[in-house]
């Protein structure tokens, strides 16, 4: 299970975070925690998309207030997750 928390302050004020649990259950500690830019309120995790394939899975996370290409232009980040 993957949960986006764009208002999270784990990394910085409203930087946002994404938490993932293996097996689809919300019990116990997350298997993975990713946080947005600790210097800005990027709202990392506001949008999520995950795909699954035989070779692995992809996770795409949106951060609409990221400043990577100019003020609040937004960004998308992707990870390949091995099976």
C-alpha atoms as a PDB file:
ATOM      1  CA  UNK A   1       0.000   0.000   0.000  1.00  0.00           C
ATOM      2  CA  UNK A   2       1.295   3.472  -0.891  1.00  0.00           C
ATOM      3  CA  UNK A   3       0.060   6.624   0.832  1.00  0.00           C
ATOM      4  CA  UNK A   4       0.813  10.212  -0.161  1.00  0.00           C
ATOM      5  CA  UNK A   5       0.933  12.807   2.614  1.00  0.00           C
ATOM      6  CA  UNK A   6       1.471  16.197   0.913  1.00  0.00           C
ATOM      7  CA  UNK A   7       0.951  18.152   4.148  1.00  0.00           C
ATOM      8  CA  UNK A   8       3.522  16.063   6.076  1.00  0.00           C
ATOM      9  CA  UNK A   9       6.390  17.860   7.791  1.00  0.00           C
ATOM     10  CA  UNK A  10       8.654  14.787   8.131  1.00  0.00           C
ATOM     11  CA  UNK A  11      11.356  16.423   5.990  1.00  0.00           C
ATOM     12  CA  UNK A  12      10.461  20.075   6.461  1.00  0.00           C
ATOM     13  CA  UNK A  13       7.375  22.275   6.822  1.00  0.00           C
ATOM     14  CA  UNK A  14       4.774  20.911   4.340  1.00  0.00           C
ATOM     15  CA  UNK A  15       7.526  19.260   2.303  1.00  0.00           C
ATOM     16  CA  UNK A  16       5.293  16.212   1.927  1.00  0.00           C
ATOM     17  CA  UNK A  17       6.029  12.524   2.144  1.00  0.00           C
ATOM     18  CA  UNK A  18       5.172   9.150   0.665  1.00  0.00           C
ATOM     19  CA  UNK A  19       4.948   6.055   2.855  1.00  0.00           C
ATOM     20  CA  UNK A  20       4.806   2.486   1.567  1.00  0.00           C
ATOM     21  CA  UNK A  21       3.980  -0.796   3.280  1.00  0.00           C
ATOM     22  CA  UNK A  22       4.724  -4.213   1.790  1.00  0.00           C
ATOM     23  CA  UNK A  23       1.834  -6.606   1.376  1.00  0.00           C
ATOM     24  CA  UNK A  24      -0.896  -3.956   1.224  1.00  0.00           C
ATOM     25  CA  UNK A  25      -1.425  -3.592   4.977  1.00  0.00           C
ATOM     26  CA  UNK A  26      -1.050  -0.463   7.095  1.00  0.00           C
ATOM     27  CA  UNK A  27       0.210  -2.351  10.137  1.00  0.00           C
ATOM     28  CA  UNK A  28       3.611  -1.659  11.681  1.00  0.00           C
ATOM     29  CA  UNK A  29       6.365   0.585  10.413  1.00  0.00           C
ATOM     30  CA  UNK A  30       6.449   1.580   6.735  1.00  0.00           C
ATOM     31  CA  UNK A  31       8.787  -0.330   4.430  1.00  0.00           C
ATOM     32  CA  UNK A  32       9.754   2.933   2.703  1.00  0.00           C
ATOM     33  CA  UNK A  33       9.474   6.630   3.512  1.00  0.00           C
ATOM     34  CA  UNK A  34      10.365   9.281   0.930  1.00  0.00           C
ATOM     35  CA  UNK A  35      10.194  12.995   1.732  1.00  0.00           C
ATOM     36  CA  UNK A  36      10.053  16.110  -0.411  1.00  0.00           C
ATOM     37  CA  UNK A  37      12.564  18.955  -0.551  1.00  0.00           C
ATOM     38  CA  UNK A  38      13.395  19.843   3.059  1.00  0.00           C
ATOM     39  CA  UNK A  39      13.893  23.504   2.087  1.00  0.00           C
ATOM     40  CA  UNK A  40      10.474  24.119   0.552  1.00  0.00           C
ATOM     41  CA  UNK A  41       6.789  23.277   0.916  1.00  0.00           C
ATOM     42  CA  UNK A  42       6.677  21.191  -2.274  1.00  0.00           C
ATOM     43  CA  UNK A  43       3.603  19.109  -1.327  1.00  0.00           C
ATOM     44  CA  UNK A  44       5.494  15.962  -2.409  1.00  0.00           C
ATOM     45  CA  UNK A  45       3.048  13.083  -2.546  1.00  0.00           C
ATOM     46  CA  UNK A  46      -0.014  15.063  -3.629  1.00  0.00           C
ATOM     47  CA  UNK A  47      -0.357  12.734  -6.604  1.00  0.00           C
ATOM     48  CA  UNK A  48       0.762   9.112  -6.950  1.00  0.00           C
ATOM     49  CA  UNK A  49       0.802   6.503  -9.669  1.00  0.00           C
ATOM     50  CA  UNK A  50       2.110   2.969  -9.501  1.00  0.00           C
ATOM     51  CA  UNK A  51       2.414   0.370 -12.217  1.00  0.00           C
ATOM     52  CA  UNK A  52       3.346  -3.266 -11.915  1.00  0.00           C
ATOM     53  CA  UNK A  53       5.040  -5.514 -14.419  1.00  0.00           C
ATOM     54  CA  UNK A  54       6.801  -8.845 -14.418  1.00  0.00           C
ATOM     55  CA  UNK A  55      10.221  -7.172 -14.229  1.00  0.00           C
ATOM     56  CA  UNK A  56       9.257  -4.803 -11.417  1.00  0.00           C
ATOM     57  CA  UNK A  57       7.120  -1.834 -10.598  1.00  0.00           C
ATOM     58  CA  UNK A  58       7.329   1.932 -11.079  1.00  0.00           C
ATOM     59  CA  UNK A  59       6.245   4.559  -8.590  1.00  0.00           C
ATOM     60  CA  UNK A  60       5.657   8.138  -9.752  1.00  0.00           C
ATOM     61  CA  UNK A  61       5.183  10.913  -7.176  1.00  0.00           C
ATOM     62  CA  UNK A  62       4.025  14.450  -7.907  1.00  0.00           C
ATOM     63  CA  UNK A  63       5.194  17.572  -6.084  1.00  0.00           C
ATOM     64  CA  UNK A  64       3.150  20.452  -7.542  1.00  0.00           C
ATOM     65  CA  UNK A  65       4.996  23.211  -5.656  1.00  0.00           C
ATOM     66  CA  UNK A  66       8.546  22.025  -6.436  1.00  0.00           C
ATOM     67  CA  UNK A  67      10.907  24.720  -7.722  1.00  0.00           C
ATOM     68  CA  UNK A  68      13.213  22.541  -9.837  1.00  0.00           C
ATOM     69  CA  UNK A  69      12.448  24.424 -13.079  1.00  0.00           C
ATOM     70  CA  UNK A  70      11.341  27.788 -11.675  1.00  0.00           C
ATOM     71  CA  UNK A  71       9.103  28.987  -8.846  1.00  0.00           C
ATOM     72  CA  UNK A  72       6.303  26.491  -8.100  1.00  0.00           C
ATOM     73  CA  UNK A  73       6.516  24.851 -11.542  1.00  0.00           C
ATOM     74  CA  UNK A  74       6.102  21.394 -10.043  1.00  0.00           C
ATOM     75  CA  UNK A  75       7.906  18.146 -10.629  1.00  0.00           C
ATOM     76  CA  UNK A  76       7.348  14.410 -10.919  1.00  0.00           C
ATOM     77  CA  UNK A  77       9.749  11.847  -9.501  1.00  0.00           C
ATOM     78  CA  UNK A  78       9.884   8.176 -10.414  1.00  0.00           C
ATOM     79  CA  UNK A  79      11.444   5.080  -8.893  1.00  0.00           C
ATOM     80  CA  UNK A  80      11.764   1.542 -10.090  1.00  0.00           C
ATOM     81  CA  UNK A  81      10.854  -0.906  -7.354  1.00  0.00           C
ATOM     82  CA  UNK A  82      12.289  -4.391  -7.749  1.00  0.00           C
ATOM     83  CA  UNK A  83      10.086  -7.387  -7.008  1.00  0.00           C
END
